[in-house]
N, C-alpha and C. Protein backbone atom coordinates (compact mmCIF):
# COMPACT_ATOMS: atom_id res chain seq x y z
N UNK A 1 -15.42 -17.14 14.81
CA UNK A 1 -16.62 -16.36 14.50
C UNK A 1 -16.61 -15.98 13.02
N UNK A 2 -17.72 -16.17 12.31
CA UNK A 2 -17.82 -15.85 10.90
C UNK A 2 -18.48 -14.48 10.74
N UNK A 3 -17.84 -13.59 10.01
CA UNK A 3 -18.35 -12.24 9.84
C UNK A 3 -19.02 -12.05 8.49
N UNK A 4 -18.59 -12.80 7.49
CA UNK A 4 -19.10 -12.58 6.15
C UNK A 4 -18.33 -11.46 5.49
N UNK A 5 -18.15 -11.50 4.17
CA UNK A 5 -17.40 -10.45 3.48
C UNK A 5 -18.03 -9.07 3.69
N UNK A 6 -17.18 -8.08 3.90
CA UNK A 6 -17.64 -6.70 4.05
C UNK A 6 -17.88 -6.09 2.67
N UNK A 7 -18.67 -5.06 2.63
CA UNK A 7 -18.95 -4.36 1.37
C UNK A 7 -17.74 -3.51 0.98
N UNK A 8 -17.28 -3.67 -0.25
CA UNK A 8 -16.17 -2.88 -0.76
C UNK A 8 -16.69 -1.55 -1.28
N UNK A 9 -16.12 -0.44 -0.81
CA UNK A 9 -16.50 0.88 -1.29
C UNK A 9 -15.85 1.13 -2.65
N UNK A 10 -16.64 1.66 -3.58
CA UNK A 10 -16.19 1.86 -4.96
C UNK A 10 -15.87 3.34 -5.20
N UNK A 11 -14.98 3.58 -6.17
CA UNK A 11 -14.54 4.93 -6.51
C UNK A 11 -15.71 5.90 -6.57
N UNK A 12 -15.55 7.04 -5.90
CA UNK A 12 -16.61 8.02 -5.77
C UNK A 12 -17.12 8.10 -4.34
N UNK A 13 -16.89 7.03 -3.57
CA UNK A 13 -17.27 7.04 -2.15
C UNK A 13 -16.32 7.95 -1.39
N UNK A 14 -16.85 8.90 -0.61
CA UNK A 14 -15.99 9.87 0.10
C UNK A 14 -15.00 9.23 1.07
N UNK A 15 -15.30 8.02 1.56
CA UNK A 15 -14.38 7.34 2.47
C UNK A 15 -13.01 7.11 1.83
N UNK A 16 -12.99 6.94 0.52
CA UNK A 16 -11.75 6.65 -0.17
C UNK A 16 -10.83 7.86 -0.31
N UNK A 17 -11.39 9.04 -0.09
CA UNK A 17 -10.60 10.26 -0.22
C UNK A 17 -10.28 10.92 1.12
N UNK A 18 -10.85 10.41 2.20
CA UNK A 18 -10.61 10.99 3.52
C UNK A 18 -9.33 10.41 4.13
N UNK A 19 -8.58 11.23 4.85
CA UNK A 19 -7.40 10.73 5.55
C UNK A 19 -7.85 9.97 6.79
N UNK A 20 -7.24 8.82 7.01
CA UNK A 20 -7.64 7.97 8.13
C UNK A 20 -7.00 8.41 9.43
N UNK A 21 -7.72 8.20 10.51
CA UNK A 21 -7.24 8.60 11.84
C UNK A 21 -6.43 7.47 12.48
N UNK A 22 -5.42 7.83 13.28
CA UNK A 22 -4.66 6.79 14.00
C UNK A 22 -5.56 6.01 14.95
N UNK A 23 -5.22 4.77 15.16
CA UNK A 23 -5.94 3.91 16.11
C UNK A 23 -5.32 4.13 17.50
N UNK A 24 -6.15 4.47 18.48
CA UNK A 24 -5.64 4.75 19.82
C UNK A 24 -5.22 3.48 20.55
N UNK A 25 -5.98 2.42 20.34
CA UNK A 25 -5.69 1.16 21.05
C UNK A 25 -6.22 -0.01 20.23
N UNK A 26 -5.47 -1.08 20.18
CA UNK A 26 -5.92 -2.29 19.48
C UNK A 26 -6.67 -3.15 20.47
N UNK A 27 -8.00 -3.06 20.41
CA UNK A 27 -8.84 -3.81 21.35
C UNK A 27 -9.72 -4.80 20.61
N UNK A 28 -10.77 -5.22 21.29
CA UNK A 28 -11.67 -6.25 20.73
C UNK A 28 -12.33 -5.78 19.43
N UNK A 29 -12.75 -4.53 19.39
CA UNK A 29 -13.42 -4.01 18.20
C UNK A 29 -12.48 -4.02 17.00
N UNK A 30 -11.24 -3.59 17.22
CA UNK A 30 -10.26 -3.55 16.14
C UNK A 30 -9.93 -4.97 15.66
N UNK A 31 -9.83 -5.91 16.59
CA UNK A 31 -9.53 -7.29 16.20
C UNK A 31 -10.69 -7.91 15.40
N UNK A 32 -11.92 -7.56 15.76
CA UNK A 32 -13.07 -8.03 14.99
C UNK A 32 -13.04 -7.46 13.58
N UNK A 33 -12.68 -6.17 13.46
CA UNK A 33 -12.58 -5.55 12.15
C UNK A 33 -11.50 -6.23 11.31
N UNK A 34 -10.35 -6.48 11.93
CA UNK A 34 -9.24 -7.13 11.22
C UNK A 34 -9.66 -8.51 10.73
N UNK A 35 -10.35 -9.28 11.59
CA UNK A 35 -10.82 -10.61 11.19
C UNK A 35 -11.78 -10.52 10.01
N UNK A 36 -12.68 -9.54 10.06
CA UNK A 36 -13.64 -9.36 8.97
C UNK A 36 -12.95 -8.93 7.69
N UNK A 37 -11.93 -8.09 7.81
CA UNK A 37 -11.19 -7.64 6.62
C UNK A 37 -10.41 -8.80 6.00
N UNK A 38 -9.81 -9.64 6.83
CA UNK A 38 -9.09 -10.80 6.31
C UNK A 38 -10.05 -11.77 5.61
N UNK A 39 -11.23 -11.92 6.18
CA UNK A 39 -12.22 -12.79 5.55
C UNK A 39 -12.66 -12.21 4.21
N UNK A 40 -12.82 -10.89 4.17
CA UNK A 40 -13.19 -10.21 2.92
C UNK A 40 -12.09 -10.37 1.88
N UNK A 41 -10.85 -10.25 2.33
CA UNK A 41 -9.71 -10.41 1.43
C UNK A 41 -9.69 -11.81 0.83
N UNK A 42 -9.98 -12.80 1.65
CA UNK A 42 -10.03 -14.18 1.16
C UNK A 42 -11.17 -14.36 0.16
N UNK A 43 -12.31 -13.77 0.45
CA UNK A 43 -13.48 -13.89 -0.43
C UNK A 43 -13.20 -13.31 -1.80
N UNK A 44 -12.44 -12.21 -1.85
CA UNK A 44 -12.13 -11.56 -3.12
C UNK A 44 -10.80 -12.03 -3.71
N UNK A 45 -10.18 -13.01 -3.05
CA UNK A 45 -8.88 -13.54 -3.48
C UNK A 45 -7.86 -12.42 -3.64
N UNK A 46 -7.87 -11.51 -2.66
CA UNK A 46 -6.99 -10.35 -2.73
C UNK A 46 -5.69 -10.53 -1.98
N UNK A 47 -4.83 -9.53 -2.11
CA UNK A 47 -3.56 -9.53 -1.37
C UNK A 47 -3.47 -8.38 -0.38
N UNK A 48 -4.34 -7.39 -0.50
CA UNK A 48 -4.32 -6.27 0.43
C UNK A 48 -5.65 -5.56 0.48
N UNK A 49 -6.00 -5.07 1.66
CA UNK A 49 -7.28 -4.36 1.84
C UNK A 49 -7.12 -3.36 2.97
N UNK A 50 -7.49 -2.11 2.70
CA UNK A 50 -7.40 -1.05 3.71
C UNK A 50 -8.78 -0.73 4.28
N UNK A 51 -8.80 -0.29 5.54
CA UNK A 51 -10.07 0.00 6.21
C UNK A 51 -10.95 0.99 5.45
N UNK A 52 -10.40 2.05 4.82
CA UNK A 52 -11.28 2.96 4.06
C UNK A 52 -12.04 2.26 2.94
N UNK A 53 -11.50 1.16 2.44
CA UNK A 53 -12.17 0.42 1.37
C UNK A 53 -13.42 -0.31 1.85
N UNK A 54 -13.56 -0.43 3.17
CA UNK A 54 -14.79 -1.01 3.72
C UNK A 54 -15.54 0.03 4.55
N UNK A 55 -15.22 1.31 4.29
CA UNK A 55 -15.99 2.40 4.88
C UNK A 55 -15.56 2.87 6.25
N UNK A 56 -14.34 2.51 6.67
CA UNK A 56 -13.87 2.89 8.01
C UNK A 56 -12.55 3.64 7.87
N UNK A 57 -12.56 4.90 8.25
CA UNK A 57 -11.36 5.73 8.09
C UNK A 57 -10.46 5.67 9.32
N UNK A 58 -9.92 4.48 9.54
CA UNK A 58 -8.92 4.27 10.59
C UNK A 58 -7.68 3.67 9.94
N UNK A 59 -6.53 3.90 10.57
CA UNK A 59 -5.26 3.48 9.99
C UNK A 59 -5.03 1.98 10.22
N UNK A 60 -5.75 1.20 9.44
CA UNK A 60 -5.65 -0.26 9.51
C UNK A 60 -5.68 -0.81 8.09
N UNK A 61 -4.81 -1.76 7.81
CA UNK A 61 -4.96 -2.55 6.60
C UNK A 61 -4.44 -3.95 6.83
N UNK A 62 -4.84 -4.85 5.94
CA UNK A 62 -4.41 -6.25 6.06
C UNK A 62 -3.74 -6.67 4.76
N UNK A 63 -2.81 -7.61 4.90
CA UNK A 63 -2.04 -8.13 3.76
C UNK A 63 -2.09 -9.66 3.80
N UNK A 64 -2.28 -10.26 2.65
CA UNK A 64 -2.21 -11.72 2.54
C UNK A 64 -1.67 -12.07 1.16
N UNK A 65 -0.39 -12.40 1.09
CA UNK A 65 0.24 -12.72 -0.19
C UNK A 65 0.18 -14.21 -0.51
N UNK A 66 -0.39 -14.99 0.37
CA UNK A 66 -0.38 -16.43 0.21
C UNK A 66 0.74 -17.06 1.00
N UNK A 67 1.88 -16.35 1.09
CA UNK A 67 3.01 -16.83 1.89
C UNK A 67 2.98 -16.25 3.29
N UNK A 68 2.44 -15.05 3.43
CA UNK A 68 2.35 -14.42 4.75
C UNK A 68 1.10 -13.58 4.83
N UNK A 69 0.54 -13.53 6.03
CA UNK A 69 -0.69 -12.78 6.27
C UNK A 69 -0.53 -12.00 7.57
N UNK A 70 -0.83 -10.71 7.55
CA UNK A 70 -0.68 -9.91 8.76
C UNK A 70 -1.52 -8.65 8.69
N UNK A 71 -1.77 -8.09 9.87
CA UNK A 71 -2.51 -6.83 9.99
C UNK A 71 -1.53 -5.70 10.29
N UNK A 72 -1.86 -4.52 9.80
CA UNK A 72 -1.01 -3.34 9.99
C UNK A 72 -1.85 -2.22 10.57
N UNK A 73 -1.41 -1.68 11.71
CA UNK A 73 -2.11 -0.58 12.36
C UNK A 73 -1.13 0.57 12.54
N UNK A 74 -1.60 1.78 12.25
CA UNK A 74 -0.78 3.00 12.40
C UNK A 74 0.59 2.87 11.72
N UNK A 75 0.60 2.57 10.43
CA UNK A 75 1.88 2.35 9.75
C UNK A 75 2.65 3.64 9.48
N UNK A 76 3.96 3.48 9.40
CA UNK A 76 4.85 4.56 8.97
C UNK A 76 5.87 3.97 8.01
N UNK A 77 6.13 4.70 6.94
CA UNK A 77 7.24 4.32 6.06
C UNK A 77 8.44 5.15 6.50
N UNK A 78 9.42 4.48 7.08
CA UNK A 78 10.56 5.17 7.67
C UNK A 78 11.48 5.71 6.59
N UNK A 79 11.78 4.87 5.60
CA UNK A 79 12.66 5.32 4.51
C UNK A 79 12.51 4.37 3.34
N UNK A 80 12.87 4.88 2.17
CA UNK A 80 12.82 4.09 0.95
C UNK A 80 14.20 3.60 0.54
N UNK A 81 15.26 4.29 1.02
CA UNK A 81 16.61 3.95 0.60
C UNK A 81 17.44 3.50 1.78
N UNK A 82 18.43 2.69 1.50
CA UNK A 82 19.37 2.31 2.55
C UNK A 82 20.48 3.34 2.65
N UNK A 83 21.51 3.01 3.37
CA UNK A 83 22.66 3.89 3.48
C UNK A 83 23.92 3.05 3.51
N UNK A 84 25.02 3.64 3.19
CA UNK A 84 26.28 2.93 3.21
C UNK A 84 27.35 3.84 3.78
N UNK A 85 28.34 3.23 4.42
CA UNK A 85 29.43 3.98 5.02
C UNK A 85 30.68 3.77 4.18
N UNK A 86 31.30 4.88 3.75
CA UNK A 86 32.51 4.80 2.96
C UNK A 86 33.52 5.82 3.47
N UNK A 87 34.78 5.51 3.25
CA UNK A 87 35.81 6.45 3.62
C UNK A 87 35.93 7.53 2.55
N UNK A 88 35.99 8.80 3.00
CA UNK A 88 36.14 9.92 2.09
C UNK A 88 37.27 10.81 2.56
N UNK A 89 37.95 11.38 1.58
CA UNK A 89 39.01 12.33 1.88
C UNK A 89 38.73 13.66 1.22
N UNK A 90 39.63 14.62 1.40
CA UNK A 90 39.45 15.95 0.84
C UNK A 90 40.83 16.52 0.53
N UNK A 91 40.98 17.12 -0.66
CA UNK A 91 42.27 17.71 -1.05
C UNK A 91 42.71 18.81 -0.09
N UNK A 92 41.75 19.45 0.55
CA UNK A 92 42.10 20.54 1.47
C UNK A 92 42.54 20.03 2.84
N UNK A 93 42.33 18.72 3.07
CA UNK A 93 42.74 18.12 4.34
C UNK A 93 43.55 16.86 4.00
N UNK A 94 44.82 17.03 3.60
CA UNK A 94 45.63 15.90 3.13
C UNK A 94 45.77 14.81 4.18
N UNK A 95 45.81 13.55 3.67
CA UNK A 95 46.09 12.37 4.48
C UNK A 95 45.07 12.12 5.59
N UNK A 96 43.89 12.71 5.45
CA UNK A 96 42.82 12.47 6.43
C UNK A 96 41.67 11.75 5.73
N UNK A 97 41.26 10.60 6.27
CA UNK A 97 40.11 9.86 5.77
C UNK A 97 39.07 9.74 6.86
N UNK A 98 37.83 9.97 6.52
CA UNK A 98 36.74 9.95 7.50
C UNK A 98 35.63 9.04 6.99
N UNK A 99 35.09 8.22 7.89
CA UNK A 99 33.93 7.40 7.53
C UNK A 99 32.69 8.29 7.41
N UNK A 100 32.06 8.27 6.25
CA UNK A 100 30.89 9.11 6.00
C UNK A 100 29.72 8.23 5.59
N UNK A 101 28.59 8.44 6.24
CA UNK A 101 27.38 7.69 5.93
C UNK A 101 26.53 8.49 4.96
N UNK A 102 26.29 7.94 3.79
CA UNK A 102 25.49 8.63 2.78
C UNK A 102 24.38 7.70 2.28
N UNK A 103 23.25 8.28 1.83
CA UNK A 103 22.16 7.44 1.32
C UNK A 103 22.55 6.72 0.04
N UNK A 104 22.10 5.48 -0.07
CA UNK A 104 22.28 4.73 -1.31
C UNK A 104 21.14 5.08 -2.27
N UNK A 105 21.38 4.86 -3.54
CA UNK A 105 20.33 5.11 -4.51
C UNK A 105 19.17 4.12 -4.29
N UNK A 106 17.96 4.57 -4.60
CA UNK A 106 16.78 3.74 -4.42
C UNK A 106 16.47 3.01 -5.72
N UNK A 107 16.28 1.72 -5.63
CA UNK A 107 15.93 0.94 -6.81
C UNK A 107 14.41 0.90 -6.93
N UNK A 108 13.92 1.34 -8.08
CA UNK A 108 12.48 1.38 -8.32
C UNK A 108 12.07 0.33 -9.34
N UNK A 109 10.77 0.10 -9.38
CA UNK A 109 10.22 -0.83 -10.35
C UNK A 109 8.85 -0.33 -10.77
N UNK A 110 8.57 -0.40 -12.07
CA UNK A 110 7.26 -0.01 -12.59
C UNK A 110 6.43 -1.27 -12.82
N UNK A 111 5.24 -1.28 -12.21
CA UNK A 111 4.34 -2.42 -12.39
C UNK A 111 2.91 -1.91 -12.49
N UNK A 112 2.08 -2.67 -13.18
CA UNK A 112 0.66 -2.36 -13.23
C UNK A 112 0.02 -2.68 -11.89
N UNK A 113 -0.84 -1.79 -11.42
CA UNK A 113 -1.60 -2.04 -10.19
C UNK A 113 -3.07 -1.80 -10.46
N UNK A 114 -3.89 -2.61 -9.84
CA UNK A 114 -5.32 -2.40 -9.86
C UNK A 114 -5.80 -2.16 -8.44
N UNK A 115 -7.10 -2.08 -8.27
CA UNK A 115 -7.65 -1.80 -6.94
C UNK A 115 -9.07 -2.34 -6.87
N UNK A 116 -9.38 -3.01 -5.76
CA UNK A 116 -10.73 -3.53 -5.57
C UNK A 116 -11.78 -2.42 -5.62
N UNK A 117 -11.38 -1.21 -5.25
CA UNK A 117 -12.31 -0.08 -5.22
C UNK A 117 -12.44 0.62 -6.57
N UNK A 118 -11.59 0.22 -7.54
CA UNK A 118 -11.66 0.80 -8.88
C UNK A 118 -11.60 -0.36 -9.87
N UNK A 119 -12.68 -1.11 -10.02
CA UNK A 119 -12.67 -2.33 -10.83
C UNK A 119 -12.24 -2.10 -12.28
N UNK A 120 -11.48 -3.05 -12.81
CA UNK A 120 -11.12 -3.12 -14.23
C UNK A 120 -10.07 -2.09 -14.67
N UNK A 121 -9.61 -1.25 -13.77
CA UNK A 121 -8.64 -0.23 -14.13
C UNK A 121 -7.25 -0.65 -13.67
N UNK A 122 -6.26 -0.55 -14.56
CA UNK A 122 -4.87 -0.84 -14.23
C UNK A 122 -4.02 0.39 -14.53
N UNK A 123 -3.11 0.69 -13.63
CA UNK A 123 -2.25 1.87 -13.78
C UNK A 123 -0.80 1.47 -13.56
N UNK A 124 0.09 1.90 -14.46
CA UNK A 124 1.52 1.69 -14.26
C UNK A 124 2.01 2.62 -13.16
N UNK A 125 2.58 2.04 -12.10
CA UNK A 125 3.04 2.84 -10.96
C UNK A 125 4.48 2.50 -10.64
N UNK A 126 5.29 3.53 -10.52
CA UNK A 126 6.70 3.37 -10.17
C UNK A 126 6.85 3.49 -8.65
N UNK A 127 7.35 2.42 -8.04
CA UNK A 127 7.52 2.42 -6.58
C UNK A 127 8.89 1.86 -6.23
N UNK A 128 9.41 2.25 -5.04
CA UNK A 128 10.65 1.63 -4.55
C UNK A 128 10.44 0.14 -4.33
N UNK A 129 11.44 -0.67 -4.67
CA UNK A 129 11.34 -2.12 -4.50
C UNK A 129 11.52 -2.54 -3.04
N UNK A 130 12.16 -1.65 -2.24
CA UNK A 130 12.42 -1.95 -0.83
C UNK A 130 11.99 -0.77 0.03
N UNK A 131 11.29 -1.06 1.12
CA UNK A 131 10.92 -0.01 2.07
C UNK A 131 11.18 -0.49 3.50
N UNK A 132 11.52 0.45 4.36
CA UNK A 132 11.68 0.17 5.78
C UNK A 132 10.48 0.78 6.49
N UNK A 133 9.77 -0.05 7.26
CA UNK A 133 8.49 0.38 7.83
C UNK A 133 8.42 0.06 9.32
N UNK A 134 7.46 0.72 9.97
CA UNK A 134 7.12 0.35 11.34
C UNK A 134 5.62 0.45 11.50
N UNK A 135 5.07 -0.40 12.36
CA UNK A 135 3.63 -0.43 12.58
C UNK A 135 3.32 -1.27 13.81
N UNK A 136 2.08 -1.24 14.23
CA UNK A 136 1.58 -2.12 15.29
C UNK A 136 0.81 -3.25 14.62
N UNK A 137 1.00 -4.47 15.09
CA UNK A 137 0.28 -5.59 14.47
C UNK A 137 -1.01 -5.89 15.26
N UNK A 138 -1.71 -6.92 14.84
CA UNK A 138 -3.00 -7.24 15.46
C UNK A 138 -2.90 -7.72 16.89
N UNK A 139 -1.68 -8.05 17.34
CA UNK A 139 -1.47 -8.48 18.72
C UNK A 139 -0.89 -7.35 19.57
N UNK A 140 -0.97 -6.13 19.04
CA UNK A 140 -0.50 -4.94 19.76
C UNK A 140 1.03 -4.90 19.92
N UNK A 141 1.74 -5.58 19.03
CA UNK A 141 3.20 -5.57 19.08
C UNK A 141 3.75 -4.52 18.11
N UNK A 142 4.80 -3.84 18.54
CA UNK A 142 5.45 -2.85 17.67
C UNK A 142 6.42 -3.57 16.75
N UNK A 143 6.25 -3.36 15.44
CA UNK A 143 7.05 -4.07 14.44
C UNK A 143 7.86 -3.06 13.62
N UNK A 144 9.14 -3.39 13.41
CA UNK A 144 9.97 -2.68 12.44
C UNK A 144 10.47 -3.72 11.46
N UNK A 145 10.39 -3.41 10.17
CA UNK A 145 10.74 -4.43 9.17
C UNK A 145 11.22 -3.81 7.88
N UNK A 146 12.04 -4.57 7.17
CA UNK A 146 12.43 -4.24 5.81
C UNK A 146 11.60 -5.11 4.88
N UNK A 147 10.86 -4.48 3.97
CA UNK A 147 9.99 -5.22 3.07
C UNK A 147 10.51 -5.12 1.64
N UNK A 148 10.37 -6.20 0.91
CA UNK A 148 10.86 -6.24 -0.46
C UNK A 148 9.81 -6.84 -1.40
N UNK A 149 9.95 -6.52 -2.68
CA UNK A 149 9.12 -7.16 -3.69
C UNK A 149 7.64 -6.87 -3.56
N UNK A 150 6.83 -7.93 -3.72
CA UNK A 150 5.37 -7.77 -3.71
C UNK A 150 4.87 -7.22 -2.39
N UNK A 151 5.41 -7.69 -1.27
CA UNK A 151 4.95 -7.21 0.04
C UNK A 151 5.20 -5.72 0.18
N UNK A 152 6.36 -5.25 -0.29
CA UNK A 152 6.67 -3.82 -0.23
C UNK A 152 5.68 -3.02 -1.08
N UNK A 153 5.34 -3.54 -2.26
CA UNK A 153 4.40 -2.82 -3.13
C UNK A 153 3.00 -2.78 -2.52
N UNK A 154 2.55 -3.91 -1.99
CA UNK A 154 1.22 -3.94 -1.37
C UNK A 154 1.17 -2.99 -0.17
N UNK A 155 2.22 -2.99 0.64
CA UNK A 155 2.27 -2.09 1.80
C UNK A 155 2.13 -0.64 1.35
N UNK A 156 2.86 -0.26 0.32
CA UNK A 156 2.80 1.13 -0.16
C UNK A 156 1.42 1.46 -0.73
N UNK A 157 0.83 0.51 -1.45
CA UNK A 157 -0.50 0.72 -2.02
C UNK A 157 -1.54 0.94 -0.92
N UNK A 158 -1.52 0.08 0.10
CA UNK A 158 -2.50 0.22 1.18
C UNK A 158 -2.22 1.46 2.04
N UNK A 159 -0.94 1.78 2.20
CA UNK A 159 -0.59 3.01 2.93
C UNK A 159 -1.18 4.22 2.21
N UNK A 160 -1.13 4.21 0.88
CA UNK A 160 -1.75 5.29 0.11
C UNK A 160 -3.22 5.44 0.46
N UNK A 161 -3.92 4.32 0.56
CA UNK A 161 -5.35 4.36 0.89
C UNK A 161 -5.60 5.12 2.19
N UNK A 162 -4.73 4.94 3.16
CA UNK A 162 -4.91 5.61 4.46
C UNK A 162 -4.69 7.12 4.35
N UNK A 163 -4.01 7.55 3.29
CA UNK A 163 -3.80 8.98 3.06
C UNK A 163 -4.85 9.56 2.13
N UNK A 164 -5.80 8.74 1.70
CA UNK A 164 -6.81 9.20 0.75
C UNK A 164 -6.30 9.26 -0.67
N UNK A 165 -5.23 8.51 -0.97
CA UNK A 165 -4.62 8.52 -2.29
C UNK A 165 -4.95 7.24 -3.03
N UNK A 166 -5.28 7.37 -4.32
CA UNK A 166 -5.67 6.22 -5.13
C UNK A 166 -4.73 6.06 -6.32
N UNK A 167 -4.80 4.90 -6.97
CA UNK A 167 -3.90 4.64 -8.09
C UNK A 167 -4.11 5.65 -9.22
N UNK A 168 -5.30 6.21 -9.36
CA UNK A 168 -5.57 7.20 -10.40
C UNK A 168 -4.71 8.44 -10.22
N UNK A 169 -4.31 8.72 -8.98
CA UNK A 169 -3.53 9.93 -8.70
C UNK A 169 -2.12 9.87 -9.26
N UNK A 170 -1.70 8.68 -9.69
CA UNK A 170 -0.36 8.54 -10.28
C UNK A 170 -0.38 8.85 -11.78
N UNK A 171 -1.55 9.05 -12.33
CA UNK A 171 -1.66 9.38 -13.75
C UNK A 171 -1.48 10.88 -13.97
N UNK A 172 -0.98 11.28 -15.15
CA UNK A 172 -0.97 12.71 -15.50
C UNK A 172 -2.40 13.25 -15.49
N UNK A 173 -2.56 14.53 -15.18
CA UNK A 173 -3.89 15.12 -14.97
C UNK A 173 -4.84 14.88 -16.14
N UNK A 174 -4.39 15.11 -17.38
CA UNK A 174 -5.28 14.96 -18.53
C UNK A 174 -5.71 13.51 -18.72
N UNK A 175 -4.75 12.59 -18.53
CA UNK A 175 -5.07 11.17 -18.67
C UNK A 175 -6.03 10.73 -17.58
N UNK A 176 -5.83 11.25 -16.36
CA UNK A 176 -6.72 10.91 -15.25
C UNK A 176 -8.14 11.42 -15.51
N UNK A 177 -8.26 12.65 -15.99
CA UNK A 177 -9.58 13.22 -16.27
C UNK A 177 -10.31 12.43 -17.34
N UNK A 178 -9.57 12.03 -18.38
CA UNK A 178 -10.18 11.24 -19.46
C UNK A 178 -10.66 9.90 -18.94
N UNK A 179 -9.83 9.24 -18.13
CA UNK A 179 -10.20 7.93 -17.60
C UNK A 179 -11.42 8.02 -16.70
N UNK A 180 -11.45 9.03 -15.82
CA UNK A 180 -12.59 9.20 -14.91
C UNK A 180 -13.86 9.44 -15.71
N UNK A 181 -13.77 10.24 -16.78
CA UNK A 181 -14.94 10.49 -17.63
C UNK A 181 -15.42 9.19 -18.26
N UNK A 182 -14.48 8.37 -18.73
CA UNK A 182 -14.84 7.08 -19.33
C UNK A 182 -15.48 6.15 -18.31
N UNK A 183 -14.97 6.19 -17.08
CA UNK A 183 -15.55 5.36 -16.03
C UNK A 183 -16.99 5.78 -15.75
N UNK A 184 -17.24 7.09 -15.77
CA UNK A 184 -18.58 7.59 -15.45
C UNK A 184 -19.59 7.25 -16.54
N UNK A 185 -19.17 7.33 -17.81
CA UNK A 185 -20.14 7.06 -18.89
C UNK A 185 -20.10 5.61 -19.37
N UNK A 186 -19.24 4.79 -18.73
CA UNK A 186 -19.22 3.37 -19.04
C UNK A 186 -18.46 3.00 -20.30
N UNK A 187 -17.66 3.94 -20.83
CA UNK A 187 -16.95 3.67 -22.08
C UNK A 187 -15.52 3.15 -21.86
N UNK A 188 -15.10 3.05 -20.59
CA UNK A 188 -13.73 2.58 -20.33
C UNK A 188 -13.64 1.10 -20.67
N UNK A 189 -12.66 0.71 -21.49
CA UNK A 189 -12.54 -0.72 -21.87
C UNK A 189 -12.00 -1.55 -20.71
N UNK A 190 -12.81 -2.46 -20.19
CA UNK A 190 -12.39 -3.29 -19.05
C UNK A 190 -11.20 -4.14 -19.44
N UNK A 191 -10.24 -4.27 -18.54
CA UNK A 191 -9.05 -5.07 -18.80
C UNK A 191 -9.29 -6.50 -18.31
N UNK A 192 -8.93 -7.45 -19.12
CA UNK A 192 -9.06 -8.86 -18.76
C UNK A 192 -7.68 -9.36 -18.35
N UNK A 193 -7.57 -9.91 -17.14
CA UNK A 193 -6.30 -10.36 -16.62
C UNK A 193 -6.21 -11.88 -16.62
N UNK A 194 -5.01 -12.37 -16.82
CA UNK A 194 -4.78 -13.80 -16.69
C UNK A 194 -4.70 -14.15 -15.21
N UNK A 195 -4.71 -15.42 -14.88
CA UNK A 195 -4.60 -15.83 -13.47
C UNK A 195 -3.28 -15.36 -12.88
N UNK A 196 -2.21 -15.33 -13.69
CA UNK A 196 -0.91 -14.91 -13.19
C UNK A 196 -0.90 -13.43 -12.80
N UNK A 197 -1.74 -12.64 -13.50
CA UNK A 197 -1.78 -11.20 -13.26
C UNK A 197 -2.92 -10.80 -12.33
N UNK A 198 -3.69 -11.77 -11.86
CA UNK A 198 -4.94 -11.48 -11.14
C UNK A 198 -4.71 -10.64 -9.90
N UNK A 199 -3.55 -10.82 -9.23
CA UNK A 199 -3.31 -10.08 -7.99
C UNK A 199 -3.33 -8.57 -8.21
N UNK A 200 -3.07 -8.12 -9.44
CA UNK A 200 -2.94 -6.68 -9.71
C UNK A 200 -4.21 -5.91 -9.37
N UNK A 201 -5.35 -6.56 -9.52
CA UNK A 201 -6.59 -5.84 -9.25
C UNK A 201 -7.09 -6.12 -7.82
N UNK A 202 -6.28 -6.80 -7.04
CA UNK A 202 -6.73 -7.23 -5.73
C UNK A 202 -6.08 -6.45 -4.59
N UNK A 203 -5.51 -5.30 -4.86
CA UNK A 203 -4.91 -4.50 -3.79
C UNK A 203 -5.56 -3.13 -3.76
């Protein structure tokens, strides 16, 4: 069934700032929405699209990196860091070693991100390179996964959309206010991306 690309909501639309509601059940309506969102993603040559971006405040987003394509419903980010077990001792308890599980440091990466709902704007965003997540997929299966690299970044970006959070929120307050003013009066200098960087504005 062909749905045609859905209309992308642009910055200023209240849907982009509302927190999305959990999906009670993945049924025919949800699958039709997912199919339409994937078609929209293909039309815009994107890598990620959240339901609020098409005017629906439900906890759904789709990802298509070219290597993998999947739907995400009711996502949770379980943790950003791993953990490791090491033997530790204590001077007050001689000759005793105990296995202790402690969190490992989180490796972050700063990259420019754009957004279909905020055309021509790129923001440097620092995010964890690895995340552990759980969600329901389009076939109503419960998924737990470790995500890395681009997929991890897209997941976090789309997860933000479900919380009503946008890439502009990562900017310092004064810089954000200046940029928003420029966007409103049309004085913001549009960024031109190469084909290699094109994905940045497609999430």
